[in-house]
Amino acid sequence: MQPLKPLADLVTPPLQQQFVRRARLPEHKTVLWQIASGVVCSMTWTSEGELVCLGYWGVGDVVGHALSRVQPYELHCLTDVLISSYPYTQRAHFTEAIVQHQQQTEELLCIVHINPLSLKLWQLLVWLSQKFGREVENGRWLDLPLTHQQLAQTLETNRVTVTTILQRLEAEGKIHRQQRRLVVTRHSSY
């Protein structure tokens, strides 16, 4: 995915801000954030208090409370993040990014509905490696600090089940660990 080009024709110059890993982006109904570097996760909770991942967003993606009707709604930094903020009134300049936002949301929604769970987790790892990974000798290295618990929350399951499936995928040669990150292997179908 190509990062979006700077928007030189905007009336208001962007305000750049940095956030550290695990920080929460401020709630602003009138601001859109364009990610210059890093990864953000949008999330909510069920009425039972279960965390629900709504999406993973990276370089060039546009996020913001103004793009969601879900309540509660939070944006958390999975890595250190550099963002540019723009007034929501300038949203017309982000048509391409907002379309990509919609497409990525639908891709993730489709993955969440795959059965069985082992295939669902595999497809999530492939999707994440395509979006946030980089080519290495034997596949795509996923340089994203996701815990087994975060993967479980994305797929509406539990951490123990995710750990078991990850071990099985590793035994099958579909993934392997490298420097505390996952590599989705090239000989796997992706």
Protein backbone atom coordinates (compact mmCIF):
# COMPACT_ATOMS: atom_id res chain seq x y z
CA MET A 1 0.00 0.00 0.00
CA GLN A 2 1.41 3.37 -1.02
CA PRO A 3 1.52 6.13 1.61
CA LEU A 4 -0.68 9.05 0.71
CA LYS A 5 0.95 12.14 -0.75
CA PRO A 6 1.22 15.29 1.39
CA LEU A 7 -1.82 17.46 1.01
CA ALA A 8 -0.24 20.76 -0.02
CA ASP A 9 -3.53 22.39 -1.01
CA LEU A 10 -5.06 22.23 2.46
CA VAL A 11 -6.09 25.54 3.96
CA THR A 12 -4.83 24.70 7.44
CA PRO A 13 -1.30 23.31 7.72
CA PRO A 14 -1.22 20.04 9.62
CA LEU A 15 -0.22 19.90 13.24
CA GLN A 16 2.20 17.02 13.76
CA GLN A 17 2.20 15.18 17.06
CA GLN A 18 4.09 12.21 18.43
CA PHE A 19 2.62 9.55 20.70
CA VAL A 20 4.46 6.72 22.41
CA ARG A 21 3.51 3.06 22.27
CA ARG A 22 0.40 2.29 24.35
CA ALA A 23 -0.70 5.95 24.33
CA ARG A 24 -4.27 6.81 23.45
CA LEU A 25 -5.04 9.39 20.78
CA PRO A 26 -7.16 12.23 22.14
CA GLU A 27 -10.89 12.24 21.46
CA HIS A 28 -11.66 14.98 18.97
CA LYS A 29 -14.90 14.81 17.00
CA THR A 30 -13.67 17.56 14.67
CA VAL A 31 -10.20 16.17 13.86
CA LEU A 32 -8.89 13.58 11.43
CA TRP A 33 -5.51 12.02 12.11
CA GLN A 34 -3.28 10.90 9.23
CA ILE A 35 -0.63 8.44 10.35
CA ALA A 36 2.88 9.38 9.19
CA SER A 37 4.60 6.52 11.03
CA GLY A 38 3.60 3.75 13.40
CA VAL A 39 0.50 1.63 13.96
CA VAL A 40 -2.81 2.47 15.66
CA CYS A 41 -5.61 0.13 16.73
CA SER A 42 -9.22 1.32 16.89
CA MET A 43 -11.28 -0.43 19.57
CA THR A 44 -14.47 -0.58 21.58
CA TRP A 45 -16.00 -2.82 24.27
CA THR A 46 -19.02 -5.07 24.45
CA SER A 47 -21.67 -4.58 27.15
CA GLU A 48 -19.89 -7.41 29.04
CA GLY A 49 -16.64 -5.45 29.02
CA GLU A 50 -14.89 -7.52 26.34
CA LEU A 51 -12.42 -5.55 24.22
CA VAL A 52 -13.21 -5.54 20.48
CA CYS A 53 -10.60 -4.58 17.88
CA LEU A 54 -12.20 -2.57 15.06
CA GLY A 55 -9.11 -2.13 12.90
CA TYR A 56 -5.37 -1.77 12.53
CA TRP A 57 -4.11 1.40 10.85
CA GLY A 58 -0.66 2.34 9.53
CA VAL A 59 1.24 4.85 7.41
CA GLY A 60 -1.05 6.95 5.21
CA ASP A 61 -4.24 5.75 6.90
CA VAL A 62 -6.69 8.31 8.24
CA VAL A 63 -8.43 7.67 11.55
CA GLY A 64 -10.53 9.69 13.93
CA HIS A 65 -13.58 9.71 16.11
CA ALA A 66 -15.40 11.58 13.35
CA LEU A 67 -15.20 8.43 11.18
CA SER A 68 -17.04 6.21 13.66
CA ARG A 69 -20.46 5.98 15.26
CA VAL A 70 -19.34 3.25 17.66
CA GLN A 71 -19.40 4.13 21.36
CA PRO A 72 -17.18 3.79 23.23
CA TYR A 73 -14.46 4.30 20.64
CA GLU A 74 -10.74 4.63 21.31
CA LEU A 75 -7.58 4.81 19.24
CA HIS A 76 -4.51 3.20 20.84
CA CYS A 77 -0.91 3.33 19.61
CA LEU A 78 0.57 -0.15 19.13
CA THR A 79 3.94 1.44 18.34
CA ASP A 80 5.39 4.92 18.63
CA VAL A 81 3.25 7.01 16.28
CA LEU A 82 3.70 10.26 14.39
CA ILE A 83 0.44 11.77 13.16
CA SER A 84 -0.72 14.90 11.40
CA SER A 85 -4.03 16.34 12.47
CA TYR A 86 -6.47 18.06 10.15
CA PRO A 87 -9.84 19.66 10.79
CA TYR A 88 -12.74 17.39 9.84
CA THR A 89 -13.98 20.20 7.58
CA GLN A 90 -11.07 19.31 5.25
CA ARG A 91 -12.28 15.69 4.87
CA ALA A 92 -12.83 16.12 1.13
CA HIS A 93 -9.03 16.05 0.75
CA PHE A 94 -9.00 12.54 2.23
CA THR A 95 -11.40 10.77 -0.13
CA GLU A 96 -8.84 8.14 -1.17
CA ALA A 97 -7.74 7.50 2.42
CA ILE A 98 -11.34 7.22 3.64
CA VAL A 99 -12.14 4.75 0.85
CA GLN A 100 -9.08 2.70 1.89
CA HIS A 101 -10.31 2.89 5.49
CA GLN A 102 -13.65 1.41 4.44
CA GLN A 103 -11.99 -1.32 2.36
CA GLN A 104 -9.68 -2.35 5.20
CA THR A 105 -12.57 -2.45 7.63
CA GLU A 106 -14.48 -4.78 5.32
CA GLU A 107 -11.41 -7.01 4.82
CA LEU A 108 -11.02 -7.39 8.58
CA LEU A 109 -14.75 -8.00 9.01
CA CYS A 110 -14.58 -10.82 6.45
CA ILE A 111 -11.61 -12.38 8.24
CA VAL A 112 -13.42 -12.29 11.58
CA HIS A 113 -16.25 -14.36 10.07
CA ILE A 114 -14.06 -17.14 8.62
CA ASN A 115 -14.36 -20.64 10.10
CA PRO A 116 -12.68 -22.66 11.48
CA LEU A 117 -10.77 -20.52 13.97
CA SER A 118 -7.39 -21.83 12.80
CA LEU A 119 -8.07 -20.54 9.26
CA LYS A 120 -9.38 -17.26 10.69
CA LEU A 121 -6.15 -16.70 12.65
CA TRP A 122 -4.04 -17.71 9.65
CA GLN A 123 -5.88 -15.23 7.40
CA LEU A 124 -5.45 -12.47 10.01
CA LEU A 125 -1.71 -13.11 10.12
CA VAL A 126 -1.50 -13.03 6.32
CA TRP A 127 -3.50 -9.78 6.19
CA LEU A 128 -1.36 -8.18 8.91
CA SER A 129 1.86 -9.31 7.20
CA GLN A 130 0.70 -7.80 3.90
CA LYS A 131 -0.30 -4.52 5.53
CA PHE A 132 2.47 -4.13 8.13
CA GLY A 133 5.11 -6.66 7.15
CA ARG A 134 8.26 -6.43 5.15
CA GLU A 135 9.93 -8.95 2.89
CA VAL A 136 12.65 -11.09 4.41
CA GLU A 137 14.46 -14.07 2.93
CA ASN A 138 11.84 -16.64 3.89
CA GLY A 139 8.58 -14.67 3.97
CA ARG A 140 7.07 -11.51 5.45
CA TRP A 141 8.33 -10.32 8.81
CA LEU A 142 5.53 -8.86 10.89
CA ASP A 143 7.17 -6.04 12.84
CA LEU A 144 4.11 -5.40 14.96
CA PRO A 145 4.15 -5.97 18.72
CA LEU A 146 0.87 -7.87 18.97
CA THR A 147 0.32 -10.15 21.94
CA HIS A 148 -1.58 -13.42 21.80
CA GLN A 149 -4.25 -11.65 23.86
CA GLN A 150 -4.61 -8.86 21.26
CA LEU A 151 -4.93 -11.43 18.47
CA ALA A 152 -7.56 -13.24 20.54
CA GLN A 153 -9.52 -10.03 21.08
CA THR A 154 -9.45 -9.30 17.35
CA LEU A 155 -10.90 -12.74 16.61
CA GLU A 156 -13.32 -12.99 19.55
CA THR A 157 -11.59 -15.95 21.17
CA ASN A 158 -9.22 -16.51 24.08
CA ARG A 159 -5.47 -16.24 24.45
CA VAL A 160 -4.92 -19.93 25.19
CA THR A 161 -6.63 -20.96 21.95
CA VAL A 162 -4.59 -18.44 19.94
CA THR A 163 -1.36 -19.72 21.51
CA THR A 164 -2.30 -23.32 20.66
CA ILE A 165 -3.11 -22.44 17.04
CA LEU A 166 0.09 -20.38 16.67
CA GLN A 167 2.09 -23.38 17.90
CA ARG A 168 0.33 -25.57 15.32
CA LEU A 169 0.99 -23.05 12.52
CA GLU A 170 4.64 -22.97 13.54
CA ALA A 171 4.84 -26.79 13.54
CA GLU A 172 3.30 -26.78 10.04
CA GLY A 173 5.97 -24.30 8.85
CA LYS A 174 3.45 -21.56 8.04
CA ILE A 175 5.02 -19.17 10.53
CA HIS A 176 8.17 -18.97 12.57
CA ARG A 177 9.49 -16.62 15.20
CA GLN A 178 12.35 -14.28 14.53
CA GLN A 179 13.53 -11.73 17.08
CA ARG A 180 10.27 -11.98 19.05
CA ARG A 181 8.22 -11.29 15.90
CA LEU A 182 6.40 -13.59 13.53
CA VAL A 183 7.40 -14.38 9.97
CA VAL A 184 4.64 -15.61 7.68
CA THR A 185 6.62 -17.98 5.50
CA ARG A 186 6.84 -17.59 1.75
CA HIS A 187 5.98 -21.19 0.89
CA SER A 188 2.64 -20.76 2.62
CA SER A 189 -0.24 -19.67 0.43
CA TYR A 190 -0.62 -15.90 0.69
